[in-house]
Protein backbone atom coordinates (compact mmCIF):
# COMPACT_ATOMS: atom_id res chain seq x y z
CA MET A 1 3.35 -13.64 -12.13
CA LYS A 2 0.86 -11.64 -14.20
CA ALA A 3 -1.73 -8.97 -14.11
CA TYR A 4 -4.76 -9.45 -16.30
CA GLU A 5 -8.36 -8.23 -16.99
CA THR A 6 -11.33 -10.50 -16.37
CA GLN A 7 -15.00 -10.68 -15.14
CA LEU A 8 -15.01 -11.43 -11.32
CA GLU A 9 -18.00 -12.67 -9.20
CA PHE A 10 -17.95 -12.04 -5.45
CA SER A 11 -20.91 -12.22 -3.14
CA GLY A 12 -23.52 -12.38 -5.85
CA ALA A 13 -22.13 -9.35 -7.78
CA LYS A 14 -20.31 -9.57 -11.11
CA GLY A 15 -18.10 -7.12 -12.69
CA HIS A 16 -14.93 -6.11 -14.53
CA ALA A 17 -11.63 -6.61 -12.53
CA VAL A 18 -7.86 -6.32 -12.89
CA ILE A 19 -6.19 -9.22 -10.87
CA VAL A 20 -2.51 -9.49 -9.96
CA GLU A 21 -1.42 -13.03 -9.37
CA PHE A 22 1.94 -14.62 -8.14
CA ASP A 23 3.17 -17.85 -6.57
CA LYS A 24 1.41 -17.13 -3.27
CA PRO A 25 -1.89 -17.99 -1.69
CA TRP A 26 -3.20 -14.47 -1.96
CA ARG A 27 -3.72 -12.09 -4.83
CA LEU A 28 -4.41 -8.39 -5.45
CA VAL A 29 -7.90 -7.51 -6.89
CA PHE A 30 -9.25 -4.20 -8.39
CA TRP A 31 -12.73 -4.85 -8.92
CA SER A 32 -15.54 -2.48 -10.55
CA LYS A 33 -18.12 -3.48 -7.85
CA ALA A 34 -15.61 -2.15 -5.20
CA GLN A 35 -14.95 0.99 -7.43
CA TYR A 36 -11.63 -0.54 -8.26
CA VAL A 37 -10.36 -0.16 -4.64
CA ALA A 38 -7.18 -2.32 -4.28
CA CYS A 39 -8.07 -5.37 -2.13
CA TRP A 40 -5.91 -8.24 -1.11
CA ASP A 41 -7.88 -11.43 -1.49
CA VAL A 42 -6.65 -13.81 1.18
CA GLY A 43 -9.07 -16.70 0.55
CA ASN A 44 -12.38 -18.11 1.33
CA GLY A 45 -14.39 -14.88 0.85
CA VAL A 46 -12.18 -12.56 2.88
CA TRP A 47 -10.51 -9.38 1.39
CA PHE A 48 -8.55 -6.62 2.94
CA THR A 49 -7.88 -3.11 1.65
CA PRO A 50 -5.44 -0.38 3.04
CA GLU A 51 -7.97 2.20 1.99
CA TRP A 52 -7.83 5.24 -0.36
CA LEU A 53 -7.75 9.05 -0.07
CA GLU A 54 -10.70 10.42 1.91
CA THR A 55 -11.89 13.79 3.22
CA ASN A 56 -14.83 15.25 5.00
CA SER A 57 -16.64 18.60 4.94
CA PRO A 58 -18.02 20.88 7.93
CA GLU A 59 -21.00 21.55 5.37
CA ASP A 60 -22.64 18.13 5.55
CA HIS A 61 -22.32 14.39 6.79
CA HIS A 62 -20.93 13.20 3.58
CA CYS A 63 -17.73 11.17 3.19
CA TYR A 64 -15.80 12.36 0.05
CA GLU A 65 -14.17 9.09 -1.14
CA PRO A 66 -14.03 6.75 -4.14
CA ILE A 67 -16.38 4.18 -2.77
CA MET A 68 -19.29 6.61 -3.18
CA ASP A 69 -18.71 6.38 -6.84
CA LYS A 70 -21.15 3.55 -7.47
CA GLN A 71 -21.64 4.48 -11.08
CA LEU A 72 -17.89 4.62 -11.77
CA LYS A 73 -18.11 8.22 -13.17
CA TYR A 74 -14.58 8.87 -12.02
CA SER A 75 -12.85 5.67 -11.03
CA ARG A 76 -10.51 4.14 -13.70
CA ILE A 77 -8.14 1.24 -13.70
CA GLU A 78 -5.20 0.40 -15.87
CA ILE A 79 -2.41 -2.17 -16.06
CA LEU A 80 0.69 -0.37 -16.77
CA LYS A 81 3.24 -3.32 -16.72
CA SER A 82 2.79 -7.07 -16.50
CA GLY A 83 5.54 -9.62 -16.65
CA PRO A 84 7.54 -12.32 -14.74
CA ALA A 85 9.56 -9.77 -12.63
CA ARG A 86 6.63 -7.46 -11.59
CA ALA A 87 3.22 -5.87 -12.30
CA ARG A 88 2.29 -2.24 -12.03
CA VAL A 89 -1.33 -0.98 -11.85
CA HIS A 90 -2.68 2.51 -11.88
CA TRP A 91 -5.85 3.49 -10.25
CA HIS A 92 -7.40 6.94 -10.74
CA TYR A 93 -10.47 8.31 -8.81
CA ALA A 94 -12.18 11.31 -7.35
CA CYS A 95 -13.12 12.08 -3.87
CA CYS A 96 -16.91 12.52 -4.33
CA ASN A 97 -20.01 12.00 -2.28
CA VAL A 98 -22.85 9.67 -2.97
CA ARG A 99 -24.40 12.41 -5.12
CA TYR A 100 -21.26 12.47 -7.27
CA GLN A 101 -20.25 15.98 -6.19
CA VAL A 102 -16.48 16.29 -5.96
CA PHE A 103 -14.88 17.89 -3.00
CA ASN A 104 -13.56 21.46 -3.95
CA GLY A 105 -14.58 20.60 -7.41
CA ASN A 106 -11.67 18.50 -8.57
CA THR A 107 -10.18 16.50 -5.65
CA THR A 108 -8.70 13.39 -7.19
CA ALA A 109 -5.91 10.78 -6.43
CA ASP A 110 -3.72 8.37 -8.31
CA GLU A 111 -2.63 5.17 -6.76
CA TYR A 112 0.17 3.07 -8.19
CA TYR A 113 0.63 -0.49 -7.02
CA THR A 114 4.04 -2.13 -7.93
CA VAL A 115 3.84 -5.78 -7.11
CA TYR A 116 6.63 -8.32 -7.14
CA PRO A 117 6.76 -12.14 -7.30
CA ASN A 118 7.01 -12.52 -3.52
CA GLY A 119 3.49 -11.00 -3.07
CA VAL A 120 4.81 -7.68 -1.73
CA ALA A 121 3.55 -4.44 -3.16
CA VAL A 122 4.57 -0.75 -2.82
CA ARG A 123 1.45 1.41 -2.75
CA LYS A 124 2.11 4.89 -3.97
CA LEU A 125 -0.84 7.35 -3.22
CA VAL A 126 -0.67 10.72 -4.96
CA ALA A 127 -3.28 13.20 -3.82
CA TRP A 128 -4.53 16.21 -5.75
CA PRO A 129 -6.60 18.33 -3.34
CA GLY A 130 -9.18 20.36 -5.10
CA ASN A 131 -8.66 23.90 -6.13
CA GLU A 132 -11.42 24.33 -8.67
CA SER A 133 -14.26 25.46 -6.39
CA ASP A 134 -15.23 25.87 -2.68
CA PHE A 135 -17.65 23.12 -2.80
CA GLY A 136 -17.58 21.48 0.62
CA GLY A 137 -15.79 24.28 2.27
CA ASN A 138 -12.55 23.62 4.22
CA PRO A 139 -11.77 20.06 5.08
CA ASN A 140 -12.06 18.54 8.43
CA PHE A 141 -9.17 15.87 7.81
CA TRP A 142 -7.38 14.02 5.06
CA GLN A 143 -7.14 10.35 5.59
CA VAL A 144 -4.67 8.20 3.56
CA LEU A 145 -4.74 4.76 5.35
CA GLU A 146 -7.16 2.40 6.96
CA TRP A 147 -7.08 -1.30 7.99
CA ILE A 148 -10.37 -2.43 6.56
CA LEU A 149 -11.58 -6.17 6.39
CA VAL A 150 -14.03 -7.21 3.67
CA ASN A 151 -16.18 -10.20 4.48
CA GLY A 152 -17.98 -11.85 1.58
CA LYS A 153 -21.52 -13.11 1.66
CA GLY A 154 -21.75 -15.96 4.28
CA THR A 155 -18.79 -14.67 6.46
CA THR A 156 -18.57 -12.44 9.40
CA PRO A 157 -15.68 -10.79 11.20
CA ASP A 158 -16.40 -12.69 14.35
CA GLU A 159 -15.78 -15.84 12.37
CA VAL A 160 -12.70 -14.61 10.60
CA LEU A 161 -10.59 -12.63 13.09
CA ASN A 162 -8.62 -13.95 16.08
CA ALA A 163 -10.79 -12.80 19.03
CA GLN A 164 -7.80 -12.12 21.43
CA GLU A 165 -5.41 -10.51 18.96
CA ALA A 166 -7.31 -9.34 15.83
CA TRP A 167 -4.87 -6.52 15.01
CA THR A 168 -1.34 -5.52 15.98
CA LEU A 169 0.84 -2.57 15.43
CA GLN A 170 4.59 -3.01 15.89
CA ASN A 171 7.78 -1.11 15.35
CA SER A 172 11.09 -2.42 14.25
CA GLU A 173 12.39 -2.73 17.77
CA GLY A 174 9.70 -5.28 18.56
CA LYS A 175 7.38 -3.15 20.65
CA LYS A 176 3.84 -3.95 20.00
CA ILE A 177 0.36 -3.20 20.92
CA SER A 178 -2.70 -5.22 20.00
CA LEU A 179 -6.59 -5.12 19.83
CA PRO A 180 -9.07 -7.75 20.33
CA TRP A 181 -12.17 -8.45 18.32
CA PRO A 182 -14.70 -6.94 18.87
CA LEU A 183 -12.82 -3.73 19.22
CA PRO A 184 -13.09 -1.97 22.52
CA THR A 185 -16.25 0.22 22.92
CA ASN A 186 -15.72 3.96 22.92
CA PRO A 187 -16.84 5.19 26.36
CA ASN A 188 -17.57 8.64 24.80
CA ASN A 189 -19.77 6.94 22.10
CA ASP A 190 -18.66 9.56 19.49
CA GLY A 191 -17.23 7.37 16.70
CA THR A 192 -13.44 6.95 16.53
CA ARG A 193 -11.14 7.97 19.25
CA PRO A 194 -7.35 8.61 19.13
CA LEU A 195 -5.25 5.37 19.31
CA CYS A 196 -2.52 7.26 21.22
CA SER A 197 -5.21 8.02 24.03
CA VAL A 198 -5.21 4.19 24.60
CA PHE A 199 -1.63 3.46 23.65
CA PRO A 200 0.41 6.60 24.13
CA GLU A 201 3.65 4.67 23.51
CA ILE A 202 3.05 4.75 19.70
CA SER A 203 3.86 8.43 19.49
CA ASP A 204 7.56 7.78 19.89
CA TRP A 205 7.85 5.06 17.26
CA ASN A 206 9.68 5.60 13.99
CA GLU A 207 7.99 2.87 11.97
CA TYR A 208 4.57 1.24 11.97
CA ILE A 209 3.73 -2.39 10.98
CA GLY A 210 0.03 -2.92 11.18
CA ARG A 211 -1.16 -6.60 10.76
CA VAL A 212 -4.74 -8.03 10.66
CA HIS A 213 -4.73 -11.53 12.20
CA VAL A 214 -7.25 -13.60 10.42
CA LYS A 215 -7.81 -17.21 11.04
CA ASP A 216 -6.58 -20.01 8.70
CA ARG A 217 -5.54 -17.43 5.98
CA PRO A 218 -2.58 -15.15 5.17
CA ASN A 219 -2.53 -12.15 7.31
CA PRO A 220 -2.83 -8.75 5.37
CA TYR A 221 -0.37 -5.91 6.52
CA VAL A 222 0.64 -2.43 5.82
CA ILE A 223 4.03 -0.82 6.68
CA PHE A 224 5.14 2.80 6.62
CA VAL A 225 7.80 4.94 8.27
CA LYS A 226 7.65 8.13 10.19
CA ASP A 227 9.59 10.00 7.52
CA LYS A 228 7.89 13.03 5.97
CA ARG A 229 9.70 12.56 2.76
CA ILE A 230 8.06 9.16 2.35
CA PHE A 231 4.97 9.56 4.54
CA PRO A 232 4.00 13.19 4.93
CA PHE A 233 1.94 13.97 8.15
CA GLN A 234 1.03 16.73 10.53
CA PRO A 235 1.50 16.24 14.32
CA CYS A 236 -1.19 14.49 16.23
CA VAL A 237 -4.18 16.78 17.14
CA ALA A 238 -4.94 14.63 20.16
CA CYS A 239 -1.66 14.38 22.06
CA GLY A 240 0.40 17.22 20.11
CA LYS A 241 3.26 14.90 19.54
CA ASN A 242 5.15 14.35 16.29
CA HIS A 243 3.28 11.33 14.93
CA PRO A 244 0.52 10.84 12.41
CA TYR A 245 -3.02 10.65 13.94
CA PHE A 246 -4.44 7.17 14.37
CA GLY A 247 -8.16 6.77 14.89
CA LEU A 248 -9.46 3.67 16.66
CA PHE A 249 -12.97 2.57 15.51
CA ASP A 250 -15.84 1.85 18.01
CA GLY A 251 -16.36 -1.83 18.61
CA ALA A 252 -20.19 -1.44 18.72
CA ASN A 253 -21.88 -2.43 15.46
CA ASN A 254 -18.82 -2.06 13.25
CA ILE A 255 -20.03 -3.82 10.41
CA TYR A 256 -21.25 -1.96 7.26
CA LYS A 257 -23.04 -2.90 4.11
CA HIS A 258 -22.66 0.18 1.82
CA TRP A 259 -19.51 -1.23 0.33
CA PRO A 260 -18.62 -3.34 -1.51
CA ALA A 261 -20.60 -5.43 -3.99
CA THR A 262 -23.59 -3.11 -3.87
CA ASP A 263 -25.02 -0.20 -5.88
CA MET A 264 -26.94 1.37 -2.84
CA GLU A 265 -26.99 5.12 -2.70
CA ASP A 266 -29.91 5.66 -0.29
CA PHE A 267 -27.62 6.48 2.71
CA ILE A 268 -25.22 9.04 3.99
CA LEU A 269 -21.80 8.57 5.63
CA ALA A 270 -22.36 4.74 6.16
CA ALA A 271 -24.99 1.99 6.48
CA LYS A 272 -24.90 -0.64 9.17
CA ALA A 273 -25.45 -4.27 8.15
CA ASN A 274 -27.52 -5.25 11.21
CA GLU A 275 -29.61 -8.40 10.38
CA ASN A 276 -28.22 -8.56 6.81
CA ILE A 277 -24.67 -9.46 8.03
CA LYS A 278 -24.57 -13.03 6.44
CA ASP A 279 -26.66 -12.24 3.36
CA ILE A 280 -24.45 -9.75 1.71
CA ALA A 281 -20.72 -8.53 1.53
CA THR A 282 -19.83 -6.19 4.45
CA HIS A 283 -16.78 -4.46 5.70
CA SER A 284 -15.30 -3.49 9.11
CA CYS A 285 -13.06 -0.73 9.94
CA ILE A 286 -10.24 -1.29 12.62
CA VAL A 287 -7.92 1.68 12.62
CA ASP A 288 -7.29 4.66 10.28
CA CYS A 289 -4.45 7.00 9.84
CA ASN A 290 -4.54 10.75 8.68
CA TYR A 291 -2.10 12.97 6.99
CA THR A 292 -3.85 15.77 9.07
CA SER A 293 -6.81 16.16 11.41
CA ILE A 294 -6.25 19.81 11.69
CA PRO A 295 -9.37 21.70 10.48
CA ALA A 296 -8.98 23.51 7.22
CA ASP A 297 -5.45 22.06 6.69
CA ARG A 298 -4.62 20.36 3.40
CA PRO A 299 -1.65 18.67 1.65
CA HIS A 300 0.05 20.39 -1.22
CA ARG A 301 -1.18 19.61 -4.69
CA PRO A 302 0.37 17.07 -5.28
CA THR A 303 1.52 15.14 -2.31
CA SER A 304 2.50 11.42 -2.33
CA TRP A 305 2.76 8.63 0.32
CA LEU A 306 4.47 5.34 0.19
CA PHE A 307 3.50 2.07 1.96
CA LEU A 308 4.50 -1.50 1.84
CA THR A 309 1.45 -3.87 1.77
CA GLY A 310 0.66 -7.47 1.09
CA ALA A 311 -0.08 -10.63 3.27
CA THR A 312 1.98 -13.19 5.05
CA ASN A 313 2.01 -16.45 6.80
CA GLU A 314 5.30 -15.65 8.45
CA PRO A 315 6.01 -14.21 11.85
CA THR A 316 5.95 -10.31 12.22
CA SER A 317 9.67 -10.51 12.53
CA SER A 318 9.77 -11.12 8.71
CA LEU A 319 7.84 -7.94 8.23
CA VAL A 320 10.43 -6.04 10.40
CA ASN A 321 13.20 -7.38 8.12
CA LEU A 322 11.25 -6.34 5.02
CA LEU A 323 10.77 -2.94 6.49
CA LYS A 324 14.52 -2.59 7.13
CA SER A 325 15.42 -3.87 3.71
CA TRP A 326 13.14 -1.25 1.99
CA TYR A 327 13.92 1.70 4.27
CA ASN A 328 17.75 1.19 4.53
CA PRO A 329 19.02 0.58 1.00
CA ALA A 330 22.41 -0.86 0.42
CA VAL A 331 25.35 1.20 -0.72
CA ILE A 332 26.15 0.68 -4.37
CA GLN A 333 29.57 1.10 -6.06
CA THR A 334 30.01 0.84 -9.72
CA GLY A 335 33.67 2.11 -9.95
CA PHE A 336 32.61 5.21 -11.97
CA GLU A 337 32.07 7.27 -8.80
CA SER A 338 33.37 10.92 -8.78
CA HIS A 339 34.78 11.19 -5.34
CA GLY A 340 34.15 14.84 -4.76
CA ASN A 341 32.10 16.93 -2.28
CA LEU A 342 28.62 15.75 -3.52
CA PRO A 343 27.59 12.22 -2.58
CA GLY A 344 26.24 10.28 -5.58
CA MET A 345 28.28 11.83 -8.31
CA SER A 346 29.49 9.58 -11.01
CA GLN A 347 30.42 9.61 -14.69
CA GLY A 348 31.15 6.86 -17.15
CA GLN A 349 29.58 3.82 -18.74
CA ILE A 350 27.63 2.75 -15.60
CA ILE A 351 25.59 5.34 -13.67
CA TYR A 352 24.02 4.44 -10.39
CA GLU A 353 20.98 6.74 -10.17
CA GLY A 354 19.86 5.89 -6.82
CA TYR A 355 17.25 3.87 -4.93
CA ALA A 356 13.70 4.34 -5.75
CA PHE A 357 11.62 3.72 -2.61
CA SER A 358 8.34 3.83 -4.68
CA GLU A 359 9.52 0.95 -6.60
CA MET A 360 11.75 -0.80 -4.08
CA ALA A 361 14.37 -0.80 -6.86
CA TYR A 362 18.07 0.14 -7.30
CA ARG A 363 18.20 2.20 -10.58
CA PHE A 364 21.06 2.25 -13.05
CA ARG A 365 21.78 3.88 -16.46
CA LYS A 366 24.45 2.29 -18.80
CA TYR A 367 26.12 2.99 -22.04
CA GLY A 368 27.67 0.60 -24.51
CA ASP A 369 27.31 -3.10 -24.22
CA ASP A 370 24.42 -4.73 -22.23
CA ARG A 371 26.54 -5.30 -19.17
CA ILE A 372 26.73 -3.76 -15.76
CA GLN A 373 28.99 -4.68 -12.82
CA PHE A 374 28.63 -3.35 -9.37
CA ARG A 375 29.08 -4.03 -5.71
CA MET A 376 26.35 -4.05 -3.05
CA PHE A 377 27.30 -3.19 0.44
CA PRO A 378 24.24 -3.88 2.65
CA LYS A 379 23.32 -1.81 5.70
CA GLU A 380 20.57 -4.37 6.49
CA SER A 381 19.77 -7.73 4.92
CA VAL A 382 18.57 -6.91 1.32
CA ILE A 383 15.47 -8.99 0.63
CA ASN A 384 14.81 -9.81 -3.04
CA PRO A 385 16.72 -7.00 -4.55
CA VAL A 386 15.30 -5.34 -7.63
CA PHE A 387 17.48 -3.66 -10.34
CA ILE A 388 16.27 -1.48 -13.19
CA ILE A 389 18.74 -0.75 -15.88
CA SER A 390 18.10 1.95 -18.53
CA ASN A 391 19.35 1.76 -22.12
CA TRP A 392 19.19 -2.07 -22.11
CA LYS A 393 18.89 -3.33 -25.71
CA THR A 394 18.56 -7.17 -25.55
CA PRO A 395 15.65 -9.13 -24.14
CA ASP A 396 17.74 -11.54 -22.03
CA VAL A 397 20.05 -11.22 -19.07
CA LYS A 398 22.37 -13.66 -17.16
CA VAL A 399 23.02 -12.85 -13.43
CA ARG A 400 26.25 -13.61 -11.56
CA LEU A 401 26.84 -13.15 -7.79
CA ASN A 402 30.51 -13.14 -6.70
CA GLY A 403 31.54 -14.82 -10.04
CA GLU A 404 28.91 -17.63 -9.77
CA THR A 405 26.12 -17.74 -12.28
CA LEU A 406 22.74 -17.68 -10.74
CA SER A 407 20.23 -20.25 -11.76
CA PRO A 408 17.41 -18.78 -13.88
CA GLU A 409 14.96 -20.11 -11.35
CA LEU A 410 16.28 -17.53 -8.72
CA TYR A 411 15.69 -14.41 -10.64
CA ARG A 412 13.04 -12.94 -13.01
CA SER A 413 13.45 -10.48 -15.64
CA GLN A 414 11.38 -8.28 -18.08
CA ILE A 415 11.77 -5.45 -20.62
CA GLU A 416 9.84 -2.22 -19.89
CA GLY A 417 10.49 0.14 -22.82
CA ASP A 418 14.27 0.96 -22.61
CA ASP A 419 14.44 -0.48 -19.16
CA LEU A 420 15.50 -4.02 -17.91
CA VAL A 421 13.90 -4.96 -14.71
CA VAL A 422 15.49 -7.78 -12.60
CA TRP A 423 14.05 -9.30 -9.48
CA VAL A 424 16.34 -11.58 -7.48
CA GLU A 425 15.17 -14.31 -5.31
CA LYS A 426 18.01 -13.81 -2.76
CA VAL A 427 18.82 -12.20 0.66
CA ILE A 428 22.03 -10.39 0.44
CA THR A 429 23.62 -10.06 3.87
CA GLN A 430 27.22 -9.23 3.07
CA THR A 431 29.24 -7.42 0.38
CA THR A 432 28.28 -8.97 -2.97
CA GLU A 433 29.63 -8.32 -6.47
CA PHE A 434 26.86 -8.52 -9.17
CA LEU A 435 27.47 -8.83 -12.86
CA LEU A 436 24.42 -8.59 -15.36
CA GLU A 437 24.96 -9.18 -18.90
CA SER A 438 23.18 -10.23 -22.07
């Protein structure tokens, strides 16, 4: 796999791009003509994005979000790491309106995408709500996620989406809701409506797996958990229950032309495609998700959210397994644990520092020879475990599982500064002893 810079042409527009590719029929694209928004290219002119940080003001009708930055005054992209084991990309942007005015003076965000060879990425969104001025007043909401389908020139959502089941939301227990395309029309004719008003059962779920069902292409998805350490949220303003607010978009004329692949600025809020649908790139919104919809509420500076995102040709049960693997890390024993009153204490040549949800990785620190040995005790099946070992000196590594040497085709490694990163193409279902050495 690799991350690289190039010139990308899409729907008649051409611009700078960072692209992450791996051995899958989809790729991750950060394109200047989309203000470097992270988009999954799932093929044949269809993209998907899990959105960005967005807010809104009671003072005007503007959306304050990075896609309004047509001139790229604030949006920046950077490849942090690129190698056979993973790629990391950093996107920085401001929440501005189409006049390039930034909400509260300096509302910005940083997004970090950590992408692995199986085509799975951890999206880390870090929000920096503004504190420099009172421009825009107090916010109406803070949005951190939206399932958005991008249709290139010549394609429409009617042709791309499965009509009967265009979008599904599921938890780890297999409970599921689904939406058709076109989406249901809002009887109140007032934009989005609370998803929990249509499907009240979602308020009691602990995890959310949202999947867009496109025809003849990999299906993009977003996964997150109802854990405020990993996904902060305020209770839903619609039903009052302890779940993040989801907004269901109206099915009437839900095709917009103001983003991507356009420099247009002569609009406010959004611009419907209407008769231009097949002549230009468009996007359609399905469901959004907010940190808060409480007026004047705002997250702390900074606040971060974590998601899993990617695309798949597999049943949603595989995404349930992925969720469980990420959210329920295995127990690690190195033999250097200090069995005292504080869990996690250890001292010696090999220190297990813990599991980094933001990287989907088990982190170690070692002293002495480039060699670590440990046991993994899975709570759930561990899919493609990632190990990061600090203080590694040599460029090479051999991996052994339960005494057997693993074929180099079944793992990938790279050096990142003083760290060794190893991605293993295995599913660990039982107690396993690992040995990594140069």
